[in-house]
């Protein structure tokens, strides 16, 4: 009895490989998102720490006795410098937020690509299964015809020879 051979097997194998590659890409994109989010959380934490430091220094400045104008100017300049650092930290946090957003978009694209690869693979597998079922049905029909023919031959031999 002949064995079923799927003509599109190389294409199915190619689609399976594409699905594996898409899954690997999605995993990598997920890792990129996690790293970008971790960096964003770190920057947000640093920003919050700097804001708290500024509040503390302003409070200390307001409550500290003024010993000299020079000391007051130095404290004020220090607070300005920290404030500038805070603004820079806010800019970095915002920029990192954009990086996270872009990473999520790439992850979503990779997820959509994986879904499409799986869909194409599934279509080919269903087609292969239908073709295999059709092949086996045809083989059973051929076998049934051959058995009928053998049965008829035996019957005719017995009838005319018997």
Protein backbone atom coordinates (compact mmCIF):
# COMPACT_ATOMS: atom_id res chain seq x y z
CA UNK A 1 0.00 0.00 0.00
CA UNK A 2 1.48 3.40 -0.99
CA UNK A 3 2.36 5.86 1.74
CA UNK A 4 0.85 9.38 1.89
CA UNK A 5 3.26 12.10 0.83
CA UNK A 6 2.31 15.74 1.38
CA UNK A 7 3.50 17.79 -1.58
CA UNK A 8 3.69 21.00 0.47
CA UNK A 9 5.74 19.50 3.32
CA UNK A 10 8.77 21.73 2.60
CA UNK A 11 6.52 24.79 2.78
CA UNK A 12 4.99 23.54 6.03
CA UNK A 13 8.48 23.02 7.49
CA UNK A 14 9.41 26.55 6.40
CA UNK A 15 6.30 27.92 8.12
CA UNK A 16 7.14 25.97 11.28
CA UNK A 17 10.63 27.50 11.27
CA UNK A 18 9.17 30.96 10.75
CA UNK A 19 6.87 30.36 13.72
CA UNK A 20 9.83 29.37 15.88
CA UNK A 21 11.75 32.46 14.78
CA UNK A 22 8.72 34.65 15.47
CA UNK A 23 8.40 33.12 18.94
CA UNK A 24 12.10 33.78 19.61
CA UNK A 25 11.69 37.36 18.41
CA UNK A 26 8.65 37.86 20.66
CA UNK A 27 10.63 36.52 23.61
CA UNK A 28 13.47 38.92 22.82
CA UNK A 29 11.07 41.84 22.44
CA UNK A 30 9.49 40.96 25.78
CA UNK A 31 12.92 40.99 27.38
CA UNK A 32 13.61 44.40 25.82
CA UNK A 33 10.34 45.74 27.24
CA UNK A 34 11.19 44.38 30.69
CA UNK A 35 14.65 45.97 30.59
CA UNK A 36 13.27 49.31 29.39
CA UNK A 37 10.59 49.26 32.09
CA UNK A 38 13.17 48.45 34.75
CA UNK A 39 15.29 51.38 33.59
CA UNK A 40 12.19 53.61 33.63
CA UNK A 41 11.38 52.57 37.20
CA UNK A 42 14.97 53.28 38.21
CA UNK A 43 14.82 56.75 36.65
CA UNK A 44 11.46 57.45 38.29
CA UNK A 45 12.89 56.38 41.64
CA UNK A 46 15.91 58.64 41.17
CA UNK A 47 13.63 61.53 40.17
CA UNK A 48 11.51 61.04 43.29
CA UNK A 49 14.63 60.91 45.47
CA UNK A 50 15.93 64.13 43.94
CA UNK A 51 12.57 65.88 44.43
CA UNK A 52 12.55 64.79 48.07
CA UNK A 53 16.13 66.01 48.50
CA UNK A 54 15.16 69.42 47.10
CA UNK A 55 12.16 69.67 49.42
CA UNK A 56 14.34 68.76 52.37
CA UNK A 57 17.02 71.29 51.46
CA UNK A 58 14.46 74.05 50.91
CA UNK A 59 12.91 73.28 54.27
CA UNK A 60 16.33 73.23 55.90
CA UNK A 61 17.21 76.50 54.16
CA UNK A 62 14.02 78.15 55.33
CA UNK A 63 14.54 76.99 58.92
CA UNK A 64 18.32 77.45 59.14
CA UNK A 65 19.71 80.52 60.78
CA UNK A 66 21.41 82.78 58.32
CA UNK A 67 25.03 83.25 59.28
CA UNK A 68 26.10 85.11 56.20
CA UNK A 69 24.88 86.20 52.81
CA UNK A 70 27.55 84.10 51.17
CA UNK A 71 26.30 80.98 52.91
CA UNK A 72 22.74 81.78 51.88
CA UNK A 73 23.81 82.24 48.24
CA UNK A 74 25.76 78.98 48.32
CA UNK A 75 22.74 77.08 49.64
CA UNK A 76 20.49 78.71 47.05
CA UNK A 77 22.94 77.87 44.25
CA UNK A 78 23.16 74.31 45.48
CA UNK A 79 19.36 74.00 45.42
CA UNK A 80 19.31 75.46 41.89
CA UNK A 81 21.91 72.95 40.77
CA UNK A 82 19.90 70.10 42.26
CA UNK A 83 16.76 71.53 40.62
CA UNK A 84 18.54 71.52 37.27
CA UNK A 85 19.58 67.94 37.89
CA UNK A 86 15.95 67.16 38.69
CA UNK A 87 14.83 68.71 35.41
CA UNK A 88 17.43 66.65 33.58
CA UNK A 89 16.21 63.55 35.42
CA UNK A 90 12.62 64.37 34.39
CA UNK A 91 13.76 64.68 30.77
CA UNK A 92 15.58 61.35 31.02
CA UNK A 93 12.51 59.74 32.55
CA UNK A 94 10.32 61.10 29.77
CA UNK A 95 12.76 59.91 27.12
CA UNK A 96 12.88 56.48 28.74
CA UNK A 97 9.07 56.45 28.74
CA UNK A 98 9.22 56.86 24.96
CA UNK A 99 11.76 54.03 24.75
CA UNK A 100 9.38 51.82 26.74
CA UNK A 101 6.49 52.77 24.45
CA UNK A 102 8.54 51.94 21.35
CA UNK A 103 9.65 48.63 22.87
CA UNK A 104 6.01 47.75 23.60
CA UNK A 105 5.06 48.61 20.02
CA UNK A 106 7.82 46.32 18.71
CA UNK A 107 6.62 43.61 21.10
CA UNK A 108 3.06 43.98 19.82
CA UNK A 109 4.30 43.79 16.23
CA UNK A 110 6.23 40.63 17.09
CA UNK A 111 3.11 39.18 18.78
CA UNK A 112 1.01 39.95 15.67
CA UNK A 113 3.69 38.39 13.46
CA UNK A 114 3.72 35.26 15.61
CA UNK A 115 -0.08 35.02 15.39
CA UNK A 116 0.10 35.28 11.60
CA UNK A 117 2.84 32.65 11.38
CA UNK A 118 0.83 30.29 13.56
CA UNK A 119 -2.28 30.91 11.45
CA UNK A 120 -0.42 30.10 8.23
CA UNK A 121 1.10 26.98 9.78
CA UNK A 122 -2.31 25.86 11.02
CA UNK A 123 -3.84 26.34 7.58
CA UNK A 124 -1.18 24.13 6.01
CA UNK A 125 -1.55 21.49 8.71
CA UNK A 126 -5.32 21.36 8.20
CA UNK A 127 -4.79 21.09 4.46
CA UNK A 128 -2.27 18.28 5.01
CA UNK A 129 -4.70 16.44 7.28
CA UNK A 130 -7.50 16.75 4.72
CA UNK A 131 -5.22 15.53 1.96
CA UNK A 132 -4.10 12.58 4.09
CA UNK A 133 -7.71 11.71 4.89
CA UNK A 134 -8.62 11.93 1.20
CA UNK A 135 -5.64 9.76 0.26
CA UNK A 136 -6.58 7.09 2.80
CA UNK A 137 -10.20 7.12 1.66
CA UNK A 138 -9.07 6.62 -1.93
CA UNK A 139 -6.79 3.77 -0.85
CA UNK A 140 -9.67 2.13 1.01
CA UNK A 141 -11.89 2.51 -2.06
CA UNK A 142 -9.23 0.94 -4.29
CA UNK A 143 -8.79 -1.89 -1.83
CA UNK A 144 -12.55 -2.41 -1.66
CA UNK A 145 -12.75 -2.49 -5.47
CA UNK A 146 -9.91 -4.99 -5.65
CA UNK A 147 -11.59 -7.19 -3.04
CA UNK A 148 -14.89 -6.97 -4.94
CA UNK A 149 -13.09 -7.93 -8.13
CA UNK A 150 -11.41 -10.89 -6.42
CA UNK A 151 -14.78 -11.90 -4.96
CA UNK A 152 -16.47 -11.66 -8.35
CA UNK A 153 -13.69 -13.64 -10.00
CA UNK A 154 -13.99 -16.40 -7.38
CA UNK A 155 -17.76 -16.44 -7.74
CA UNK A 156 -17.60 -16.65 -11.50
CA UNK A 157 -14.94 -19.38 -11.36
CA UNK A 158 -17.11 -21.47 -9.02
CA UNK A 159 -20.23 -20.91 -11.07
CA UNK A 160 -18.73 -21.87 -14.41
CA UNK A 161 -16.29 -24.48 -13.15
CA UNK A 162 -18.27 -25.85 -10.34
